[in-house]
């Protein structure tokens, strides 16, 4: 599965960004709910380990998910399970596990059904979700460090997930989804044009693939992008789009998530 290589590529890019940081910088808070860089990498590492267990040990996966969803809270359980790993020791463990996970999924049947916290999912969906989480949570780190990320066409996996979860955005809010999803026409990082839906539709979202992915992963408010959003359905969707599982989440308020300016 090419998604396994895409996941590893995105992970390694984030890992490279972290390489020059002193250990103390990992304790700095990002714009995402006050999570530190340690919190971000610990969260990615924990759930990458869970993704490996989907293919290797369902019983241990069940125990791990049960603990994470317990009364003590997810972040506390993640920290306890990982033995308090932090800084570059955490970074190295996360990168090593991600490489192992990519290797496992590269050899897996893309259509294999795997257990998860919610409904079963395909192996392809599982590794795509890991790519999406890495990219989305990585944005917090890029923003905090004041670095503009250079995206690659591997984000097409995330854009596709964003389009495919149009209905989910409504279901998770107990709303009735409109019968027809808007046209989505995006310019890829390479300059290619990606299209989902029928050209000429009344409801449409056009513009940067990066900005579309930022909106559906809720790392940007649509008002902070240059996306051209036309039609009532498209505007409603982009105002609450959610391509990830779990309870309904509210996108960040306009102007609250941005790339910080750092002194030269």
Protein backbone atom coordinates (compact mmCIF):
# COMPACT_ATOMS: atom_id res chain seq x y z
CA UNK A 1 0.00 0.00 0.00
CA UNK A 2 1.40 3.35 -1.02
CA UNK A 3 -0.33 4.85 2.04
CA UNK A 4 2.22 3.06 4.24
CA UNK A 5 5.09 4.85 2.50
CA UNK A 6 3.15 8.13 2.62
CA UNK A 7 2.63 7.72 6.37
CA UNK A 8 6.32 7.09 6.92
CA UNK A 9 7.32 10.03 4.72
CA UNK A 10 5.10 12.43 6.70
CA UNK A 11 6.43 11.04 9.98
CA UNK A 12 10.04 11.44 8.93
CA UNK A 13 9.44 15.02 7.77
CA UNK A 14 8.07 15.92 11.21
CA UNK A 15 10.92 14.04 12.86
CA UNK A 16 13.44 16.07 10.88
CA UNK A 17 11.76 19.29 11.98
CA UNK A 18 12.28 18.25 15.61
CA UNK A 19 15.93 17.20 15.20
CA UNK A 20 17.61 20.52 16.09
CA UNK A 21 15.39 21.28 19.11
CA UNK A 22 16.80 21.12 22.63
CA UNK A 23 14.97 18.70 24.92
CA UNK A 24 13.49 21.64 26.84
CA UNK A 25 11.63 22.84 23.73
CA UNK A 26 9.53 19.66 23.73
CA UNK A 27 7.80 20.98 26.88
CA UNK A 28 6.56 24.15 25.14
CA UNK A 29 2.80 24.44 24.63
CA UNK A 30 1.30 24.58 21.14
CA UNK A 31 -1.91 26.31 20.04
CA UNK A 32 -3.82 23.01 20.21
CA UNK A 33 -5.54 22.82 23.60
CA UNK A 34 -2.26 23.67 25.30
CA UNK A 35 -0.68 20.37 24.26
CA UNK A 36 3.09 20.44 24.42
CA UNK A 37 5.27 19.01 21.67
CA UNK A 38 5.86 16.07 24.00
CA UNK A 39 2.08 15.56 24.22
CA UNK A 40 1.76 15.61 20.42
CA UNK A 41 4.54 13.10 19.76
CA UNK A 42 3.49 10.89 22.67
CA UNK A 43 -0.07 10.77 21.30
CA UNK A 44 1.14 9.86 17.81
CA UNK A 45 3.51 7.24 19.19
CA UNK A 46 0.87 5.60 21.39
CA UNK A 47 -1.65 5.24 18.58
CA UNK A 48 0.97 4.10 16.08
CA UNK A 49 1.69 1.27 18.51
CA UNK A 50 -2.03 0.54 18.61
CA UNK A 51 -2.12 0.43 14.80
CA UNK A 52 0.64 -2.19 14.84
CA UNK A 53 -1.40 -4.27 17.30
CA UNK A 54 -4.32 -4.23 14.86
CA UNK A 55 -2.21 -6.55 12.71
CA UNK A 56 -0.34 -8.48 15.39
CA UNK A 57 -2.24 -8.81 18.71
CA UNK A 58 -5.96 -8.02 18.94
CA UNK A 59 -6.14 -8.95 22.64
CA UNK A 60 -3.43 -6.46 23.58
CA UNK A 61 -5.05 -3.87 21.32
CA UNK A 62 -8.32 -4.24 23.21
CA UNK A 63 -6.55 -3.82 26.56
CA UNK A 64 -4.70 -0.75 25.30
CA UNK A 65 -7.81 0.95 23.93
CA UNK A 66 -9.78 0.15 27.09
CA UNK A 67 -7.10 1.83 29.20
CA UNK A 68 -6.99 4.90 26.96
CA UNK A 69 -10.76 5.31 27.15
CA UNK A 70 -10.86 4.77 30.92
CA UNK A 71 -11.69 7.19 33.69
CA UNK A 72 -8.11 8.37 34.09
CA UNK A 73 -8.10 10.07 30.72
CA UNK A 74 -6.34 9.39 27.43
CA UNK A 75 -3.32 11.66 27.82
CA UNK A 76 -2.53 10.37 31.33
CA UNK A 77 -2.76 6.77 30.12
CA UNK A 78 -0.58 7.51 27.10
CA UNK A 79 2.09 9.02 29.35
CA UNK A 80 1.92 6.17 31.86
CA UNK A 81 2.05 3.50 29.15
CA UNK A 82 5.09 5.09 27.52
CA UNK A 83 6.95 5.35 30.82
CA UNK A 84 7.22 9.12 30.74
CA UNK A 85 9.28 9.19 27.54
CA UNK A 86 10.00 12.77 26.51
CA UNK A 87 12.24 14.90 24.34
CA UNK A 88 14.57 13.23 21.90
CA UNK A 89 14.22 9.82 23.55
CA UNK A 90 10.51 10.01 22.74
CA UNK A 91 11.24 11.26 19.22
CA UNK A 92 13.57 8.34 18.51
CA UNK A 93 11.12 5.74 19.87
CA UNK A 94 8.27 7.27 17.84
CA UNK A 95 10.31 7.23 14.61
CA UNK A 96 11.43 3.63 15.14
CA UNK A 97 7.89 2.42 15.79
CA UNK A 98 6.54 4.35 12.80
CA UNK A 99 9.08 2.60 10.57
CA UNK A 100 7.93 -0.77 11.93
CA UNK A 101 4.27 0.14 11.42
CA UNK A 102 4.90 1.22 7.84
CA UNK A 103 6.65 -2.09 7.17
CA UNK A 104 3.74 -4.08 8.59
CA UNK A 105 1.12 -2.21 6.57
CA UNK A 106 3.15 -2.30 3.37
CA UNK A 107 2.77 -6.09 3.43
CA UNK A 108 -0.85 -6.19 4.63
CA UNK A 109 -3.92 -6.90 2.54
CA UNK A 110 -5.43 -3.42 2.00
CA UNK A 111 -8.94 -4.86 2.38
CA UNK A 112 -8.26 -6.84 5.58
CA UNK A 113 -10.78 -5.96 8.30
CA UNK A 114 -9.12 -4.81 11.52
CA UNK A 115 -10.48 -4.22 15.02
CA UNK A 116 -10.48 -0.68 16.40
CA UNK A 117 -12.08 1.43 19.12
CA UNK A 118 -15.15 1.96 16.94
CA UNK A 119 -16.31 -0.13 13.97
CA UNK A 120 -13.85 -2.44 12.23
CA UNK A 121 -11.88 -0.77 9.44
CA UNK A 122 -9.82 -1.85 6.47
CA UNK A 123 -6.03 -1.94 6.71
CA UNK A 124 -5.89 0.81 4.09
CA UNK A 125 -8.22 3.00 6.16
CA UNK A 126 -6.17 2.38 9.29
CA UNK A 127 -2.83 3.48 7.85
CA UNK A 128 -4.53 6.41 6.08
CA UNK A 129 -5.87 7.50 9.46
CA UNK A 130 -2.33 7.35 10.89
CA UNK A 131 -1.11 9.53 8.01
CA UNK A 132 -3.93 12.01 8.62
CA UNK A 133 -3.26 12.17 12.37
CA UNK A 134 0.46 12.66 11.83
CA UNK A 135 -0.13 15.45 9.33
CA UNK A 136 -2.82 17.17 11.43
CA UNK A 137 -1.03 17.02 14.77
CA UNK A 138 2.20 17.87 13.02
CA UNK A 139 0.65 21.20 12.01
CA UNK A 140 0.61 22.20 15.66
CA UNK A 141 4.36 21.77 15.81
CA UNK A 142 5.06 23.55 12.52
CA UNK A 143 2.86 26.45 13.65
CA UNK A 144 4.52 26.65 17.06
CA UNK A 145 8.00 26.68 15.57
CA UNK A 146 7.04 29.24 12.93
CA UNK A 147 7.92 26.92 10.06
CA UNK A 148 5.88 26.83 6.86
CA UNK A 149 5.42 23.19 5.92
CA UNK A 150 6.20 22.16 2.36
CA UNK A 151 3.50 19.65 1.47
CA UNK A 152 3.70 16.78 -1.00
CA UNK A 153 1.04 15.07 -3.08
CA UNK A 154 0.74 12.36 -0.43
CA UNK A 155 -1.84 14.66 1.18
CA UNK A 156 -4.26 13.47 -1.51
CA UNK A 157 -5.00 10.63 0.93
CA UNK A 158 -6.15 13.22 3.47
CA UNK A 159 -8.13 15.24 0.93
CA UNK A 160 -9.91 12.05 -0.19
CA UNK A 161 -10.68 11.20 3.42
CA UNK A 162 -12.07 14.70 3.87
CA UNK A 163 -14.39 14.26 0.89
CA UNK A 164 -15.46 10.76 1.95
CA UNK A 165 -16.42 11.95 5.44
CA UNK A 166 -18.87 14.60 4.22
CA UNK A 167 -21.74 12.46 5.52
CA UNK A 168 -19.90 11.59 8.74
CA UNK A 169 -19.63 15.29 9.60
CA UNK A 170 -23.43 15.36 9.81
CA UNK A 171 -23.92 11.91 11.36
CA UNK A 172 -21.62 12.65 14.30
CA UNK A 173 -23.71 15.77 14.99
CA UNK A 174 -26.99 13.87 14.64
CA UNK A 175 -27.91 15.97 11.64
CA UNK A 176 -29.36 14.80 8.34
CA UNK A 177 -26.73 14.97 5.62
CA UNK A 178 -27.68 16.70 2.37
CA UNK A 179 -28.27 14.14 -0.41
CA UNK A 180 -25.51 15.47 -2.67
CA UNK A 181 -22.02 16.40 -1.52
CA UNK A 182 -20.43 19.57 -2.93
CA UNK A 183 -17.96 19.53 -5.77
CA UNK A 184 -14.40 19.63 -4.46
CA UNK A 185 -11.75 20.90 -6.88
CA UNK A 186 -8.28 21.28 -5.42
CA UNK A 187 -4.84 22.32 -6.59
CA UNK A 188 -2.27 19.79 -5.38
CA UNK A 189 1.17 20.79 -4.08
CA UNK A 190 2.58 19.59 -7.43
CA UNK A 191 0.12 21.77 -9.37
CA UNK A 192 -2.08 18.83 -10.42
CA UNK A 193 -5.86 19.30 -10.17
CA UNK A 194 -7.84 16.87 -8.04
CA UNK A 195 -11.61 16.71 -8.52
CA UNK A 196 -14.39 14.96 -6.61
CA UNK A 197 -17.98 15.41 -7.76
CA UNK A 198 -19.65 17.01 -10.75
CA UNK A 199 -18.22 20.13 -12.37
CA UNK A 200 -20.69 23.02 -12.42
CA UNK A 201 -22.38 22.05 -9.15
CA UNK A 202 -24.14 24.80 -7.20
CA UNK A 203 -22.25 23.81 -4.06
CA UNK A 204 -18.48 23.75 -4.49
CA UNK A 205 -15.19 24.06 -2.63
CA UNK A 206 -12.19 25.05 -4.72
CA UNK A 207 -8.64 26.11 -3.92
CA UNK A 208 -5.53 24.78 -2.24
CA UNK A 209 -5.43 21.09 -1.33
CA UNK A 210 -3.34 22.00 1.71
CA UNK A 211 -5.98 24.45 2.95
CA UNK A 212 -8.79 21.97 2.32
CA UNK A 213 -6.92 19.38 4.38
CA UNK A 214 -6.37 21.96 7.11
CA UNK A 215 -10.11 22.61 7.32
CA UNK A 216 -11.30 18.98 7.32
CA UNK A 217 -8.72 18.05 9.99
CA UNK A 218 -9.73 21.15 12.00
CA UNK A 219 -6.29 22.72 12.22
CA UNK A 220 -7.63 25.90 10.60
CA UNK A 221 -10.92 27.74 10.54
CA UNK A 222 -12.15 28.03 6.96
CA UNK A 223 -12.26 31.81 7.42
CA UNK A 224 -8.48 31.77 7.78
CA UNK A 225 -8.02 30.18 4.34
CA UNK A 226 -8.42 31.35 0.75
CA UNK A 227 -10.75 28.49 -0.18
CA UNK A 228 -13.61 29.52 -2.48
CA UNK A 229 -16.71 28.05 -0.82
CA UNK A 230 -19.93 28.46 -2.81
CA UNK A 231 -23.45 27.40 -1.90
CA UNK A 232 -25.27 26.96 1.41
CA UNK A 233 -24.40 23.26 1.76
CA UNK A 234 -20.71 23.82 1.06
CA UNK A 235 -20.55 26.69 3.55
CA UNK A 236 -22.30 24.64 6.23
CA UNK A 237 -19.98 21.67 5.66
CA UNK A 238 -16.78 23.70 5.70
CA UNK A 239 -17.93 25.39 8.89
CA UNK A 240 -17.92 22.08 10.78
CA UNK A 241 -16.05 19.54 8.60
CA UNK A 242 -14.54 16.65 10.55
CA UNK A 243 -12.64 13.83 8.85
CA UNK A 244 -11.61 12.04 12.05
CA UNK A 245 -13.49 9.64 14.31
CA UNK A 246 -14.74 10.28 17.83
CA UNK A 247 -17.29 12.74 19.15
CA UNK A 248 -18.23 15.90 17.30
CA UNK A 249 -15.53 18.53 17.63
CA UNK A 250 -15.79 22.26 17.03
CA UNK A 251 -13.24 23.73 14.59
CA UNK A 252 -10.87 26.34 16.01
CA UNK A 253 -12.21 29.88 16.14
CA UNK A 254 -11.05 32.16 13.35
CA UNK A 255 -7.64 33.64 14.01
CA UNK A 256 -6.65 31.19 16.76
CA UNK A 257 -4.54 28.75 14.74
CA UNK A 258 -1.70 30.22 12.69
CA UNK A 259 2.02 30.02 11.98
CA UNK A 260 3.81 32.00 14.65
CA UNK A 261 6.38 34.54 13.59
CA UNK A 262 9.79 33.87 15.09
CA UNK A 263 12.65 36.33 15.42
CA UNK A 264 15.39 35.72 12.86
